[in-house]
Amino acid sequence: MSYFHTASWPWSRTHLQFSHKSREPDADLDDDRSAAERLRVAVQTLHLRAGRPAPNDVAVAGRWLLSAGAVASVLEATILPHQSILETFVRLLGGDIEHFNHLLDDARTEAAEETGWLPPTTRPSAAAALAEHTAPQPTPDPTPPARTPS
């Protein structure tokens, strides 16, 4: 359910009409764009279709599930948002959450491949990691020291 398609919001009066052709992304354009760029374009398109509400208006309409700063960050698209933030944003603006999650997953995968960072497939145990990074210590003598008479 979108909070931005009701007549009570001032920007709903300026709702833009889209042709059928503009509602579907052009497959040729998607092939040339990075996954992060496709996500950015999808977020901007969703925002435009919702009437371009201000970040504060989105935060208020969502009863502060997102801060105005979080909404602005999603709209600026300079970093990939956390999945829960993107889902809340998309839900508030009436978008397809599954589609946006797919775009976000693609963008994260692409970013990981570009930086060469991939999560390790196996993690060493804590004991093995400690043993690898600790200098050998002398073994204490199990016999107590001899007592000298005083």
Foldseek 3Di string as FASTA:
>chain_A
DALQCDPVDPLNVVQDDDDPVVVDDDPVVVVPDALLVVLLVVLVVLCVNSRVDQLCVLCVSLVNPDHSVLVVCSNVSPDQDDLVSVLSSCVHSVHDSVVSVVSSVRNVVVVCVVVVHDDDPDDDDPVVVCVVPDDDDDDDDPDDDDDDDD
